[in-house]
Each structure stands twice: as structure tokens, then as C-alpha cells.
Amino acid sequence: EVQLVESGGGMVQPGGSLRLSCAASGFTFSGYDMSWVRHPQAPGKGPEWVSAINTGGDSLYYADSVKGRFTISRDNAKNTVVLQMNSLKPEDTAVYYCNVRYFHESYWGQGTQVTVSS
């Protein structure tokens, strides 16, 4: 059974940092690209893809809104993908989800709340 468990969210002031982790199990982690997606809670805002990383960790992709501030990485030995978030802004406030597409199905964790507020 595919399981993704996110952690590391919290409340920070603008300009602060958080490090999100996603622990994966139930599949061969090193064989799959991984992504982070966020769901803002502001009215009228839909889910937003944030970042992705390939199996080897050498191809990294970012939404324009986070480029230069967020860094994605993975540890295939620990079945973990990390999103380091720096220079956080209030508009980064959202529930952040780890995602993997496994055998044509998309799997998500339970999410971790990130709130950026003064």
C-alpha cells in the first residue's frame, strides 16, 4: 500500500523558513518522480503545483512563484523527499501535499499546514 506522510509544517513570520519532509512507503521510492502540491485556503484559490524532482534527484522543477526560495531534494536511501522553504511569504500559506504517480494513479499524503503570518 502506497503511503506518503508529510511533516514539518507550522506557523512562521514572513521571511522565515520551514523544512517539509515526506516519508514514502509501499513502493520502490527510487523509481518514481516525486512532487509537492499546495492547496491555499484563500477563497477562490485552487491547488498549485509547487515543485518536482526526478528519480535520481538531478532534475529539479519549480513553479515560478517559488523559484529561488524553495529547494526540493530526495534521499533514496531513506525514502524521503524534502522541500526546504526560505523567504516565506503570506501567499505561501497553504496545506502542502507530497505526491507520487504510481501505476497511473496519483497518491497523496494527509498534508501539512504552512501558515505565514506576522
C-alpha atoms as a PDB file:
ATOM      1  CA  GLU A   1       0.000   0.000   0.000  1.00  0.00           C
ATOM      2  CA  VAL A   2       1.404   3.359  -1.042  1.00  0.00           C
ATOM      3  CA  GLN A   3       1.746   5.719   1.906  1.00  0.00           C
ATOM      4  CA  LEU A   4       3.025   9.280   1.999  1.00  0.00           C
ATOM      5  CA  VAL A   5       3.388  11.076   5.308  1.00  0.00           C
ATOM      6  CA  GLU A   6       4.215  14.780   5.344  1.00  0.00           C
ATOM      7  CA  SER A   7       5.662  16.631   8.304  1.00  0.00           C
ATOM      8  CA  GLY A   8       7.382  19.880   9.165  1.00  0.00           C
ATOM      9  CA  GLY A   9       4.626  22.421   8.675  1.00  0.00           C
ATOM     10  CA  GLY A  10       3.882  25.198  11.112  1.00  0.00           C
ATOM     11  CA  MET A  11       3.452  28.914  11.526  1.00  0.00           C
ATOM     12  CA  VAL A  12       6.248  31.327  10.683  1.00  0.00           C
ATOM     13  CA  GLN A  13       6.648  35.031  10.148  1.00  0.00           C
ATOM     14  CA  PRO A  14       7.236  36.434   6.669  1.00  0.00           C
ATOM     15  CA  GLY A  15      10.852  35.889   5.691  1.00  0.00           C
ATOM     16  CA  GLY A  16      11.123  32.767   7.783  1.00  0.00           C
ATOM     17  CA  SER A  17      11.931  29.208   6.786  1.00  0.00           C
ATOM     18  CA  LEU A  18      10.398  25.778   7.093  1.00  0.00           C
ATOM     19  CA  ARG A  19      11.558  22.333   6.047  1.00  0.00           C
ATOM     20  CA  LEU A  20       8.889  19.904   4.927  1.00  0.00           C
ATOM     21  CA  SER A  21       9.533  16.190   4.746  1.00  0.00           C
ATOM     22  CA  CYS A  22       7.610  13.389   3.100  1.00  0.00           C
ATOM     23  CA  ALA A  23       8.233   9.817   4.154  1.00  0.00           C
ATOM     24  CA  ALA A  24       7.218   7.319   1.498  1.00  0.00           C
ATOM     25  CA  SER A  25       6.494   3.601   1.732  1.00  0.00           C
ATOM     26  CA  GLY A  26       4.734   0.847  -0.161  1.00  0.00           C
ATOM     27  CA  PHE A  27       6.544   1.313  -3.460  1.00  0.00           C
ATOM     28  CA  THR A  28      10.070   1.445  -4.851  1.00  0.00           C
ATOM     29  CA  PHE A  29      10.714   5.071  -3.977  1.00  0.00           C
ATOM     30  CA  SER A  30      13.865   5.423  -6.048  1.00  0.00           C
ATOM     31  CA  GLY A  31      11.961   4.517  -9.204  1.00  0.00           C
ATOM     32  CA  TYR A  32       9.470   7.373  -9.165  1.00  0.00           C
ATOM     33  CA  ASP A  33       9.471  11.116  -9.603  1.00  0.00           C
ATOM     34  CA  MET A  34       8.044  12.991  -6.640  1.00  0.00           C
ATOM     35  CA  SER A  35       6.149  16.258  -6.396  1.00  0.00           C
ATOM     36  CA  TRP A  36       4.871  18.800  -3.918  1.00  0.00           C
ATOM     37  CA  VAL A  37       1.499  20.452  -4.424  1.00  0.00           C
ATOM     38  CA  ARG A  38      -0.166  23.026  -2.209  1.00  0.00           C
ATOM     39  CA  HIS A  39      -3.782  23.916  -1.568  1.00  0.00           C
ATOM     40  CA  PRO A  40      -4.190  27.511  -0.448  1.00  0.00           C
ATOM     41  CA  GLN A  41      -7.108  28.151   1.843  1.00  0.00           C
ATOM     42  CA  ALA A  42      -7.880  31.582   0.474  1.00  0.00           C
ATOM     43  CA  PRO A  43     -11.301  31.749  -1.207  1.00  0.00           C
ATOM     44  CA  GLY A  44     -11.219  31.132  -4.926  1.00  0.00           C
ATOM     45  CA  LYS A  45      -7.746  29.624  -4.968  1.00  0.00           C
ATOM     46  CA  GLY A  46      -7.240  26.136  -6.313  1.00  0.00           C
ATOM     47  CA  PRO A  47      -4.397  23.664  -5.882  1.00  0.00           C
ATOM     48  CA  GLU A  48      -0.998  24.754  -7.147  1.00  0.00           C
ATOM     49  CA  TRP A  49       1.861  22.533  -8.227  1.00  0.00           C
ATOM     50  CA  VAL A  50       4.993  23.679  -6.372  1.00  0.00           C
ATOM     51  CA  SER A  51       7.962  21.504  -7.247  1.00  0.00           C
ATOM     52  CA  ALA A  52       9.077  18.145  -8.599  1.00  0.00           C
ATOM     53  CA  ILE A  53      12.184  16.000  -8.596  1.00  0.00           C
ATOM     54  CA  ASN A  54      13.186  13.115 -10.803  1.00  0.00           C
ATOM     55  CA  THR A  55      14.233   9.675  -9.619  1.00  0.00           C
ATOM     56  CA  GLY A  56      17.923  10.474  -9.387  1.00  0.00           C
ATOM     57  CA  GLY A  57      17.449  13.863  -7.804  1.00  0.00           C
ATOM     58  CA  ASP A  58      19.357  15.682 -10.513  1.00  0.00           C
ATOM     59  CA  SER A  59      16.426  17.250 -12.337  1.00  0.00           C
ATOM     60  CA  LEU A  60      14.529  19.775 -10.261  1.00  0.00           C
ATOM     61  CA  TYR A  61      11.446  21.743 -11.241  1.00  0.00           C
ATOM     62  CA  TYR A  62       9.785  24.710  -9.576  1.00  0.00           C
ATOM     63  CA  ALA A  63       6.748  26.890 -10.024  1.00  0.00           C
ATOM     64  CA  ASP A  64       7.688  30.462 -10.858  1.00  0.00           C
ATOM     65  CA  SER A  65       6.096  31.584  -7.607  1.00  0.00           C
ATOM     66  CA  VAL A  66       8.651  29.670  -5.511  1.00  0.00           C
ATOM     67  CA  LYS A  67      11.719  29.629  -7.741  1.00  0.00           C
ATOM     68  CA  GLY A  68      14.785  30.881  -5.903  1.00  0.00           C
ATOM     69  CA  ARG A  69      13.149  30.431  -2.496  1.00  0.00           C
ATOM     70  CA  PHE A  70      12.281  26.725  -2.309  1.00  0.00           C
ATOM     71  CA  THR A  71      14.586  23.753  -2.805  1.00  0.00           C
ATOM     72  CA  ILE A  72      13.459  20.184  -3.366  1.00  0.00           C
ATOM     73  CA  SER A  73      15.666  17.201  -2.616  1.00  0.00           C
ATOM     74  CA  ARG A  74      15.383  13.481  -2.008  1.00  0.00           C
ATOM     75  CA  ASP A  75      17.160  10.738  -0.144  1.00  0.00           C
ATOM     76  CA  ASN A  76      16.504   7.439  -1.879  1.00  0.00           C
ATOM     77  CA  ALA A  77      18.180   5.518   0.936  1.00  0.00           C
ATOM     78  CA  LYS A  78      15.668   6.955   3.416  1.00  0.00           C
ATOM     79  CA  ASN A  79      12.654   7.061   1.057  1.00  0.00           C
ATOM     80  CA  THR A  80      12.234  10.746   1.810  1.00  0.00           C
ATOM     81  CA  VAL A  81      11.629  13.881  -0.215  1.00  0.00           C
ATOM     82  CA  VAL A  82      12.245  17.275   1.345  1.00  0.00           C
ATOM     83  CA  LEU A  83      11.059  20.761   0.488  1.00  0.00           C
ATOM     84  CA  GLN A  84      13.206  23.483   2.022  1.00  0.00           C
ATOM     85  CA  MET A  85      11.259  26.726   2.022  1.00  0.00           C
ATOM     86  CA  ASN A  86      13.058  30.015   2.624  1.00  0.00           C
ATOM     87  CA  SER A  87      11.976  33.645   2.444  1.00  0.00           C
ATOM     88  CA  LEU A  88       8.410  32.618   3.073  1.00  0.00           C
ATOM     89  CA  LYS A  89       5.602  34.967   2.121  1.00  0.00           C
ATOM     90  CA  PRO A  90       1.997  35.161   3.326  1.00  0.00           C
ATOM     91  CA  GLU A  91       0.890  33.883  -0.076  1.00  0.00           C
ATOM     92  CA  ASP A  92       2.759  30.640   0.627  1.00  0.00           C
ATOM     93  CA  THR A  93       0.137  29.833   3.256  1.00  0.00           C
ATOM     94  CA  ALA A  94      -1.448  26.515   2.282  1.00  0.00           C
ATOM     95  CA  VAL A  95      -1.680  22.843   3.046  1.00  0.00           C
ATOM     96  CA  TYR A  96       1.288  21.170   1.371  1.00  0.00           C
ATOM     97  CA  TYR A  97       0.972  17.683  -0.044  1.00  0.00           C
ATOM     98  CA  CYS A  98       3.511  15.175  -1.235  1.00  0.00           C
ATOM     99  CA  ASN A  99       2.508  13.360  -4.421  1.00  0.00           C
ATOM    100  CA  VAL A 100       3.556  10.367  -6.459  1.00  0.00           C
ATOM    101  CA  ARG A 101       2.067   8.971  -9.622  1.00  0.00           C
ATOM    102  CA  TYR A 102       2.281   5.201  -9.265  1.00  0.00           C
ATOM    103  CA  PHE A 103       0.856   2.844 -11.867  1.00  0.00           C
ATOM    104  CA  HIS A 104      -1.360   5.542 -13.382  1.00  0.00           C
ATOM    105  CA  GLU A 105      -2.807   6.513 -10.009  1.00  0.00           C
ATOM    106  CA  SER A 106      -1.984   9.624  -8.068  1.00  0.00           C
ATOM    107  CA  TYR A 107      -1.281   9.225  -4.361  1.00  0.00           C
ATOM    108  CA  TRP A 108      -1.262  11.933  -1.723  1.00  0.00           C
ATOM    109  CA  GLY A 109      -0.340  12.254   1.892  1.00  0.00           C
ATOM    110  CA  GLN A 110      -2.542  13.826   4.554  1.00  0.00           C
ATOM    111  CA  GLY A 111      -0.859  17.194   4.063  1.00  0.00           C
ATOM    112  CA  THR A 112       0.929  19.564   6.394  1.00  0.00           C
ATOM    113  CA  GLN A 113      -0.262  23.091   7.129  1.00  0.00           C
ATOM    114  CA  VAL A 114       2.058  26.010   6.460  1.00  0.00           C
ATOM    115  CA  THR A 115       0.961  29.409   7.723  1.00  0.00           C
ATOM    116  CA  VAL A 116       3.000  32.528   7.058  1.00  0.00           C
ATOM    117  CA  SER A 117       1.764  35.459   9.086  1.00  0.00           C
ATOM    118  CA  SER A 118       3.045  38.295  11.197  1.00  0.00           C
END
